[in-house]
Amino acid sequence: MPSLASARWLFSTNAKDIGTLYLMLGLFTGLLGTAFSILIRLELSAPGSQFLAGNHQLFNVMTTTHGIMMIRHPPPRPSPNRSLLPLPS
């Protein structure tokens, strides 16, 4: 059974809580996708294996995961929208 604090976030129907969760998911996947992108670029920067020590399966997993994350969960873009404004009560 999740604690009360995590249950509030995981089972919320409040639009502001859902928006905050979506923002946190976007930031997390954006940072993780960026890290994968940097590792992929470092590995391909010169011939041979540089950082992954010849682990080709790990390179394939990182490339696939990076692609899926960037398509399914793009990093949030700054825009003036209603989620930044207080809701009327």
PDB file of N, CA and C in Angstrom:
ATOM      1  N   MET A   1       0.847  -1.181   0.000  1.00  0.00           N
ATOM      2  CA  MET A   1       0.000   0.000   0.000  1.00  0.00           C
ATOM      3  C   MET A   1       0.893   1.245   0.000  1.00  0.00           C
ATOM      4  N   PRO A   2       0.707   2.145  -0.978  1.00  0.00           N
ATOM      5  CA  PRO A   2       1.524   3.355  -1.010  1.00  0.00           C
ATOM      6  C   PRO A   2       1.195   4.279   0.161  1.00  0.00           C
ATOM      7  N   SER A   3       2.184   5.061   0.561  1.00  0.00           N
ATOM      8  CA  SER A   3       1.950   6.015   1.648  1.00  0.00           C
ATOM      9  C   SER A   3       0.965   7.084   1.186  1.00  0.00           C
ATOM     10  N   LEU A   4       0.489   7.863   2.130  1.00  0.00           N
ATOM     11  CA  LEU A   4      -0.520   8.874   1.800  1.00  0.00           C
ATOM     12  C   LEU A   4       0.023   9.930   0.849  1.00  0.00           C
ATOM     13  N   ALA A   5       1.282  10.318   1.011  1.00  0.00           N
ATOM     14  CA  ALA A   5       1.851  11.351   0.138  1.00  0.00           C
ATOM     15  C   ALA A   5       1.974  10.848  -1.298  1.00  0.00           C
ATOM     16  N   SER A   6       2.458   9.613  -1.474  1.00  0.00           N
ATOM     17  CA  SER A   6       2.593   9.101  -2.833  1.00  0.00           C
ATOM     18  C   SER A   6       1.236   8.746  -3.427  1.00  0.00           C
ATOM     19  N   ALA A   7       0.293   8.321  -2.606  1.00  0.00           N
ATOM     20  CA  ALA A   7      -1.048   8.014  -3.121  1.00  0.00           C
ATOM     21  C   ALA A   7      -1.724   9.278  -3.631  1.00  0.00           C
ATOM     22  N   ARG A   8      -1.473  10.407  -2.946  1.00  0.00           N
ATOM     23  CA  ARG A   8      -2.055  11.673  -3.409  1.00  0.00           C
ATOM     24  C   ARG A   8      -1.590  11.997  -4.822  1.00  0.00           C
ATOM     25  N   TRP A   9      -0.308  11.726  -5.125  1.00  0.00           N
ATOM     26  CA  TRP A   9       0.224  12.037  -6.443  1.00  0.00           C
ATOM     27  C   TRP A   9      -0.165  10.980  -7.468  1.00  0.00           C
ATOM     28  N   LEU A  10      -0.103   9.715  -7.092  1.00  0.00           N
ATOM     29  CA  LEU A  10      -0.320   8.646  -8.075  1.00  0.00           C
ATOM     30  C   LEU A  10      -1.782   8.473  -8.461  1.00  0.00           C
ATOM     31  N   PHE A  11      -2.697   8.734  -7.539  1.00  0.00           N
ATOM     32  CA  PHE A  11      -4.115   8.500  -7.813  1.00  0.00           C
ATOM     33  C   PHE A  11      -4.915   9.795  -7.872  1.00  0.00           C
ATOM     34  N   SER A  12      -4.252  10.898  -8.145  1.00  0.00           N
ATOM     35  CA  SER A  12      -4.909  12.194  -8.142  1.00  0.00           C
ATOM     36  C   SER A  12      -5.727  12.416  -9.416  1.00  0.00           C
ATOM     37  N   THR A  13      -6.819  13.138  -9.251  1.00  0.00           N
ATOM     38  CA  THR A  13      -7.593  13.603 -10.407  1.00  0.00           C
ATOM     39  C   THR A  13      -7.527  15.129 -10.512  1.00  0.00           C
ATOM     40  N   ASN A  14      -6.723  15.738  -9.657  1.00  0.00           N
ATOM     41  CA  ASN A  14      -6.537  17.180  -9.664  1.00  0.00           C
ATOM     42  C   ASN A  14      -5.665  17.563 -10.870  1.00  0.00           C
ATOM     43  N   ALA A  15      -6.116  18.511 -11.642  1.00  0.00           N
ATOM     44  CA  ALA A  15      -5.410  18.887 -12.865  1.00  0.00           C
ATOM     45  C   ALA A  15      -4.014  19.440 -12.576  1.00  0.00           C
ATOM     46  N   LYS A  16      -3.863  20.186 -11.494  1.00  0.00           N
ATOM     47  CA  LYS A  16      -2.542  20.735 -11.178  1.00  0.00           C
ATOM     48  C   LYS A  16      -1.566  19.634 -10.771  1.00  0.00           C
ATOM     49  N   ASP A  17      -2.022  18.631 -10.018  1.00  0.00           N
ATOM     50  CA  ASP A  17      -1.150  17.509  -9.649  1.00  0.00           C
ATOM     51  C   ASP A  17      -0.744  16.716 -10.883  1.00  0.00           C
ATOM     52  N   ILE A  18      -1.675  16.475 -11.775  1.00  0.00           N
ATOM     53  CA  ILE A  18      -1.369  15.736 -13.002  1.00  0.00           C
ATOM     54  C   ILE A  18      -0.395  16.527 -13.865  1.00  0.00           C
ATOM     55  N   GLY A  19      -0.589  17.840 -13.955  1.00  0.00           N
ATOM     56  CA  GLY A  19       0.338  18.680 -14.707  1.00  0.00           C
ATOM     57  C   GLY A  19       1.733  18.676 -14.114  1.00  0.00           C
ATOM     58  N   THR A  20       1.813  18.694 -12.785  1.00  0.00           N
ATOM     59  CA  THR A  20       3.118  18.641 -12.119  1.00  0.00           C
ATOM     60  C   THR A  20       3.798  17.304 -12.370  1.00  0.00           C
ATOM     61  N   LEU A  21       3.040  16.207 -12.290  1.00  0.00           N
ATOM     62  CA  LEU A  21       3.604  14.889 -12.580  1.00  0.00           C
ATOM     63  C   LEU A  21       4.092  14.805 -14.023  1.00  0.00           C
ATOM     64  N   TYR A  22       3.325  15.360 -14.951  1.00  0.00           N
ATOM     65  CA  TYR A  22       3.729  15.347 -16.348  1.00  0.00           C
ATOM     66  C   TYR A  22       4.998  16.167 -16.555  1.00  0.00           C
ATOM     67  N   LEU A  23       5.104  17.293 -15.868  1.00  0.00           N
ATOM     68  CA  LEU A  23       6.304  18.115 -15.962  1.00  0.00           C
ATOM     69  C   LEU A  23       7.514  17.374 -15.402  1.00  0.00           C
ATOM     70  N   MET A  24       7.333  16.696 -14.251  1.00  0.00           N
ATOM     71  CA  MET A  24       8.434  15.935 -13.664  1.00  0.00           C
ATOM     72  C   MET A  24       8.848  14.776 -14.569  1.00  0.00           C
ATOM     73  N   LEU A  25       7.874  14.095 -15.183  1.00  0.00           N
ATOM     74  CA  LEU A  25       8.194  13.006 -16.109  1.00  0.00           C
ATOM     75  C   LEU A  25       8.946  13.543 -17.326  1.00  0.00           C
ATOM     76  N   GLY A  26       8.499  14.666 -17.852  1.00  0.00           N
ATOM     77  CA  GLY A  26       9.168  15.260 -19.004  1.00  0.00           C
ATOM     78  C   GLY A  26      10.592  15.686 -18.701  1.00  0.00           C
ATOM     79  N   LEU A  27      10.798  16.266 -17.524  1.00  0.00           N
ATOM     80  CA  LEU A  27      12.146  16.677 -17.149  1.00  0.00           C
ATOM     81  C   LEU A  27      13.060  15.466 -16.943  1.00  0.00           C
ATOM     82  N   PHE A  28      12.543  14.424 -16.276  1.00  0.00           N
ATOM     83  CA  PHE A  28      13.343  13.222 -16.031  1.00  0.00           C
ATOM     84  C   PHE A  28      13.716  12.533 -17.335  1.00  0.00           C
ATOM     85  N   THR A  29      12.736  12.317 -18.222  1.00  0.00           N
ATOM     86  CA  THR A  29      13.045  11.630 -19.473  1.00  0.00           C
ATOM     87  C   THR A  29      13.893  12.502 -20.383  1.00  0.00           C
ATOM     88  N   GLY A  30      13.728  13.822 -20.306  1.00  0.00           N
ATOM     89  CA  GLY A  30      14.579  14.709 -21.092  1.00  0.00           C
ATOM     90  C   GLY A  30      16.033  14.640 -20.650  1.00  0.00           C
ATOM     91  N   LEU A  31      16.258  14.624 -19.334  1.00  0.00           N
ATOM     92  CA  LEU A  31      17.622  14.520 -18.825  1.00  0.00           C
ATOM     93  C   LEU A  31      18.241  13.154 -19.132  1.00  0.00           C
ATOM     94  N   LEU A  32      17.457  12.097 -18.963  1.00  0.00           N
ATOM     95  CA  LEU A  32      17.963  10.759 -19.249  1.00  0.00           C
ATOM     96  C   LEU A  32      18.233  10.590 -20.745  1.00  0.00           C
ATOM     97  N   GLY A  33      17.350  11.091 -21.596  1.00  0.00           N
ATOM     98  CA  GLY A  33      17.567  11.031 -23.041  1.00  0.00           C
ATOM     99  C   GLY A  33      18.780  11.829 -23.472  1.00  0.00           C
ATOM    100  N   THR A  34      19.001  12.980 -22.826  1.00  0.00           N
ATOM    101  CA  THR A  34      20.184  13.779 -23.128  1.00  0.00           C
ATOM    102  C   THR A  34      21.458  13.048 -22.718  1.00  0.00           C
ATOM    103  N   ALA A  35      21.423  12.394 -21.561  1.00  0.00           N
ATOM    104  CA  ALA A  35      22.590  11.625 -21.119  1.00  0.00           C
ATOM    105  C   ALA A  35      22.886  10.487 -22.096  1.00  0.00           C
ATOM    106  N   PHE A  36      21.839   9.794 -22.546  1.00  0.00           N
ATOM    107  CA  PHE A  36      22.040   8.730 -23.532  1.00  0.00           C
ATOM    108  C   PHE A  36      22.600   9.304 -24.832  1.00  0.00           C
ATOM    109  N   SER A  37      22.100  10.460 -25.244  1.00  0.00           N
ATOM    110  CA  SER A  37      22.582  11.082 -26.463  1.00  0.00           C
ATOM    111  C   SER A  37      24.066  11.424 -26.369  1.00  0.00           C
ATOM    112  N   ILE A  38      24.480  11.949 -25.229  1.00  0.00           N
ATOM    113  CA  ILE A  38      25.891  12.289 -25.042  1.00  0.00           C
ATOM    114  C   ILE A  38      26.754  11.037 -25.080  1.00  0.00           C
ATOM    115  N   LEU A  39      26.315   9.956 -24.410  1.00  0.00           N
ATOM    116  CA  LEU A  39      27.082   8.713 -24.438  1.00  0.00           C
ATOM    117  C   LEU A  39      27.164   8.121 -25.845  1.00  0.00           C
ATOM    118  N   ILE A  40      26.072   8.197 -26.589  1.00  0.00           N
ATOM    119  CA  ILE A  40      26.065   7.682 -27.965  1.00  0.00           C
ATOM    120  C   ILE A  40      27.047   8.485 -28.815  1.00  0.00           C
ATOM    121  N   ARG A  41      27.022   9.811 -28.674  1.00  0.00           N
ATOM    122  CA  ARG A  41      27.931  10.654 -29.461  1.00  0.00           C
ATOM    123  C   ARG A  41      29.389  10.423 -29.077  1.00  0.00           C
ATOM    124  N   LEU A  42      29.641  10.237 -27.770  1.00  0.00           N
ATOM    125  CA  LEU A  42      31.015   9.964 -27.339  1.00  0.00           C
ATOM    126  C   LEU A  42      31.506   8.626 -27.891  1.00  0.00           C
ATOM    127  N   GLU A  43      30.628   7.638 -27.929  1.00  0.00           N
ATOM    128  CA  GLU A  43      31.019   6.323 -28.439  1.00  0.00           C
ATOM    129  C   GLU A  43      31.318   6.384 -29.936  1.00  0.00           C
ATOM    130  N   LEU A  44      30.564   7.205 -30.663  1.00  0.00           N
ATOM    131  CA  LEU A  44      30.737   7.284 -32.112  1.00  0.00           C
ATOM    132  C   LEU A  44      31.739   8.370 -32.541  1.00  0.00           C
ATOM    133  N   SER A  45      32.365   9.037 -31.589  1.00  0.00           N
ATOM    134  CA  SER A  45      33.251  10.146 -31.933  1.00  0.00           C
ATOM    135  C   SER A  45      34.543   9.698 -32.618  1.00  0.00           C
ATOM    136  N   ALA A  46      34.943   8.458 -32.426  1.00  0.00           N
ATOM    137  CA  ALA A  46      36.177   7.945 -33.039  1.00  0.00           C
ATOM    138  C   ALA A  46      35.977   6.455 -33.328  1.00  0.00           C
ATOM    139  N   PRO A  47      36.767   5.904 -34.238  1.00  0.00           N
ATOM    140  CA  PRO A  47      36.634   4.472 -34.538  1.00  0.00           C
ATOM    141  C   PRO A  47      36.969   3.610 -33.321  1.00  0.00           C
ATOM    142  N   GLY A  48      36.333   2.460 -33.238  1.00  0.00           N
ATOM    143  CA  GLY A  48      36.584   1.547 -32.126  1.00  0.00           C
ATOM    144  C   GLY A  48      35.688   1.860 -30.937  1.00  0.00           C
ATOM    145  N   SER A  49      35.935   1.151 -29.848  1.00  0.00           N
ATOM    146  CA  SER A  49      35.144   1.341 -28.634  1.00  0.00           C
ATOM    147  C   SER A  49      35.849   2.324 -27.707  1.00  0.00           C
ATOM    148  N   GLN A  50      35.113   3.323 -27.234  1.00  0.00           N
ATOM    149  CA  GLN A  50      35.682   4.310 -26.329  1.00  0.00           C
ATOM    150  C   GLN A  50      35.154   4.144 -24.907  1.00  0.00           C
ATOM    151  N   PHE A  51      33.851   4.237 -24.726  1.00  0.00           N
ATOM    152  CA  PHE A  51      33.275   4.326 -23.388  1.00  0.00           C
ATOM    153  C   PHE A  51      32.505   3.078 -22.974  1.00  0.00           C
ATOM    154  N   LEU A  52      32.024   2.318 -23.907  1.00  0.00           N
ATOM    155  CA  LEU A  52      31.205   1.162 -23.549  1.00  0.00           C
ATOM    156  C   LEU A  52      31.998  -0.130 -23.537  1.00  0.00           C
ATOM    157  N   ALA A  53      33.287  -0.071 -23.737  1.00  0.00           N
ATOM    158  CA  ALA A  53      34.199  -1.223 -23.639  1.00  0.00           C
ATOM    159  C   ALA A  53      33.755  -2.390 -24.514  1.00  0.00           C
ATOM    160  N   GLY A  54      33.289  -2.106 -25.703  1.00  0.00           N
ATOM    161  CA  GLY A  54      32.927  -3.160 -26.639  1.00  0.00           C
ATOM    162  C   GLY A  54      31.594  -3.821 -26.374  1.00  0.00           C
ATOM    163  N   ASN A  55      30.787  -3.278 -25.477  1.00  0.00           N
ATOM    164  CA  ASN A  55      29.482  -3.854 -25.177  1.00  0.00           C
ATOM    165  C   ASN A  55      28.470  -3.341 -26.208  1.00  0.00           C
ATOM    166  N   HIS A  56      28.357  -4.056 -27.319  1.00  0.00           N
ATOM    167  CA  HIS A  56      27.507  -3.612 -28.429  1.00  0.00           C
ATOM    168  C   HIS A  56      26.031  -3.713 -28.088  1.00  0.00           C
ATOM    169  N   GLN A  57      25.668  -4.680 -27.245  1.00  0.00           N
ATOM    170  CA  GLN A  57      24.269  -4.790 -26.855  1.00  0.00           C
ATOM    171  C   GLN A  57      23.846  -3.578 -26.025  1.00  0.00           C
ATOM    172  N   LEU A  58      24.705  -3.114 -25.134  1.00  0.00           N
ATOM    173  CA  LEU A  58      24.397  -1.919 -24.348  1.00  0.00           C
ATOM    174  C   LEU A  58      24.237  -0.700 -25.260  1.00  0.00           C
ATOM    175  N   PHE A  59      25.069  -0.586 -26.283  1.00  0.00           N
ATOM    176  CA  PHE A  59      24.945   0.523 -27.229  1.00  0.00           C
ATOM    177  C   PHE A  59      23.592   0.460 -27.950  1.00  0.00           C
ATOM    178  N   ASN A  60      23.185  -0.739 -28.380  1.00  0.00           N
ATOM    179  CA  ASN A  60      21.895  -0.883 -29.055  1.00  0.00           C
ATOM    180  C   ASN A  60      20.733  -0.560 -28.115  1.00  0.00           C
ATOM    181  N   VAL A  61      20.831  -0.996 -26.860  1.00  0.00           N
ATOM    182  CA  VAL A  61      19.777  -0.708 -25.888  1.00  0.00           C
ATOM    183  C   VAL A  61      19.688   0.795 -25.624  1.00  0.00           C
ATOM    184  N   MET A  62      20.842   1.451 -25.463  1.00  0.00           N
ATOM    185  CA  MET A  62      20.842   2.896 -25.225  1.00  0.00           C
ATOM    186  C   MET A  62      20.273   3.663 -26.414  1.00  0.00           C
ATOM    187  N   THR A  63      20.628   3.248 -27.620  1.00  0.00           N
ATOM    188  CA  THR A  63      20.123   3.930 -28.808  1.00  0.00           C
ATOM    189  C   THR A  63      18.610   3.758 -28.931  1.00  0.00           C
ATOM    190  N   THR A  64      18.119   2.552 -28.709  1.00  0.00           N
ATOM    191  CA  THR A  64      16.677   2.293 -28.790  1.00  0.00           C
ATOM    192  C   THR A  64      15.922   3.027 -27.692  1.00  0.00           C
ATOM    193  N   THR A  65      16.439   2.994 -26.476  1.00  0.00           N
ATOM    194  CA  THR A  65      15.786   3.673 -25.361  1.00  0.00           C
ATOM    195  C   THR A  65      15.768   5.181 -25.581  1.00  0.00           C
ATOM    196  N   HIS A  66      16.859   5.723 -26.080  1.00  0.00           N
ATOM    197  CA  HIS A  66      16.911   7.158 -26.369  1.00  0.00           C
ATOM    198  C   HIS A  66      15.832   7.528 -27.399  1.00  0.00           C
ATOM    199  N   GLY A  67      15.717   6.755 -28.456  1.00  0.00           N
ATOM    200  CA  GLY A  67      14.719   7.045 -29.482  1.00  0.00           C
ATOM    201  C   GLY A  67      13.297   6.959 -28.958  1.00  0.00           C
ATOM    202  N   ILE A  68      13.011   5.918 -28.190  1.00  0.00           N
ATOM    203  CA  ILE A  68      11.659   5.756 -27.641  1.00  0.00           C
ATOM    204  C   ILE A  68      11.329   6.884 -26.673  1.00  0.00           C
ATOM    205  N   MET A  69      12.270   7.238 -25.821  1.00  0.00           N
ATOM    206  CA  MET A  69      12.003   8.304 -24.845  1.00  0.00           C
ATOM    207  C   MET A  69      11.811   9.644 -25.526  1.00  0.00           C
ATOM    208  N   MET A  70      12.580   9.946 -26.542  1.00  0.00           N
ATOM    209  CA  MET A  70      12.453  11.243 -27.197  1.00  0.00           C
ATOM    210  C   MET A  70      11.178  11.336 -28.036  1.00  0.00           C
ATOM    211  N   ILE A  71      10.649  10.203 -28.496  1.00  0.00           N
ATOM    212  CA  ILE A  71       9.402  10.224 -29.257  1.00  0.00           C
ATOM    213  C   ILE A  71       8.199  10.230 -28.329  1.00  0.00           C
ATOM    214  N   ARG A  72       8.190   9.349 -27.323  1.00  0.00           N
ATOM    215  CA  ARG A  72       7.029   9.203 -26.441  1.00  0.00           C
ATOM    216  C   ARG A  72       6.946  10.293 -25.382  1.00  0.00           C
ATOM    217  N   HIS A  73       8.096  10.761 -24.871  1.00  0.00           N
ATOM    218  CA  HIS A  73       8.103  11.758 -23.806  1.00  0.00           C
ATOM    219  C   HIS A  73       9.070  12.883 -24.159  1.00  0.00           C
ATOM    220  N   PRO A  74       8.664  13.763 -25.056  1.00  0.00           N
ATOM    221  CA  PRO A  74       9.585  14.857 -25.400  1.00  0.00           C
ATOM    222  C   PRO A  74       9.785  15.779 -24.204  1.00  0.00           C
ATOM    223  N   PRO A  75      10.933  16.398 -24.106  1.00  0.00           N
ATOM    224  CA  PRO A  75      11.144  17.321 -22.989  1.00  0.00           C
ATOM    225  C   PRO A  75      10.164  18.487 -23.073  1.00  0.00           C
ATOM    226  N   PRO A  76       9.715  18.983 -21.937  1.00  0.00           N
ATOM    227  CA  PRO A  76       8.737  20.083 -21.966  1.00  0.00           C
ATOM    228  C   PRO A  76       9.334  21.351 -22.558  1.00  0.00           C
ATOM    229  N   ARG A  77       8.520  22.049 -23.316  1.00  0.00           N
ATOM    230  CA  ARG A  77       8.952  23.302 -23.926  1.00  0.00           C
ATOM    231  C   ARG A  77       8.330  24.455 -23.138  1.00  0.00           C
ATOM    232  N   PRO A  78       9.081  25.492 -22.891  1.00  0.00           N
ATOM    233  CA  PRO A  78       8.494  26.615 -22.155  1.00  0.00           C
ATOM    234  C   PRO A  78       7.440  27.323 -23.004  1.00  0.00           C
ATOM    235  N   SER A  79       6.285  27.480 -22.436  1.00  0.00           N
ATOM    236  CA  SER A  79       5.220  28.195 -23.140  1.00  0.00           C
ATOM    237  C   SER A  79       4.290  28.801 -22.096  1.00  0.00           C
ATOM    238  N   PRO A  80       3.742  29.962 -22.390  1.00  0.00           N
ATOM    239  CA  PRO A  80       2.779  30.539 -21.446  1.00  0.00           C
ATOM    240  C   PRO A  80       1.448  29.806 -21.585  1.00  0.00           C
ATOM    241  N   ASN A  81       1.122  29.002 -20.615  1.00  0.00           N
ATOM    242  CA  ASN A  81      -0.143  28.273 -20.690  1.00  0.00           C
ATOM    243  C   ASN A  81      -0.875  28.376 -19.360  1.00  0.00           C
ATOM    244  N   ARG A  82      -2.030  27.797 -19.309  1.00  0.00           N
ATOM    245  CA  ARG A  82      -2.885  27.943 -18.144  1.00  0.00           C
ATOM    246  C   ARG A  82      -2.395  27.142 -16.948  1.00  0.00           C
ATOM    247  N   SER A  83      -1.486  26.191 -17.148  1.00  0.00           N
ATOM    248  CA  SER A  83      -1.016  25.414 -16.001  1.00  0.00           C
ATOM    249  C   SER A  83      -0.164  26.259 -15.065  1.00  0.00           C
ATOM    250  N   LEU A  84       0.353  27.392 -15.542  1.00  0.00           N
ATOM    251  CA  LEU A  84       1.159  28.252 -14.689  1.00  0.00           C
ATOM    252  C   LEU A  84       0.307  29.285 -13.936  1.00  0.00           C
ATOM    253  N   LEU A  85      -0.957  29.383 -14.269  1.00  0.00           N
ATOM    254  CA  LEU A  85      -1.836  30.340 -13.625  1.00  0.00           C
ATOM    255  C   LEU A  85      -2.653  29.659 -12.539  1.00  0.00           C
ATOM    256  N   PRO A  86      -2.996  30.361 -11.491  1.00  0.00           N
ATOM    257  CA  PRO A  86      -3.814  29.752 -10.436  1.00  0.00           C
ATOM    258  C   PRO A  86      -5.224  29.466 -10.947  1.00  0.00           C
ATOM    259  N   LEU A  87      -5.779  28.344 -10.490  1.00  0.00           N
ATOM    260  CA  LEU A  87      -7.144  27.992 -10.864  1.00  0.00           C
ATOM    261  C   LEU A  87      -8.124  28.770  -9.979  1.00  0.00           C
ATOM    262  N   PRO A  88      -9.234  29.229 -10.554  1.00  0.00           N
ATOM    263  CA  PRO A  88     -10.234  29.895  -9.725  1.00  0.00           C
ATOM    264  C   PRO A  88     -10.889  28.882  -8.793  1.00  0.00           C
ATOM    265  N   SER A  89     -11.212  29.310  -7.593  1.00  0.00           N
ATOM    266  CA  SER A  89     -11.821  28.363  -6.647  1.00  0.00           C
ATOM    267  C   SER A  89     -13.320  28.504  -6.596  1.00  0.00           C
TER     268      SER A  89
END
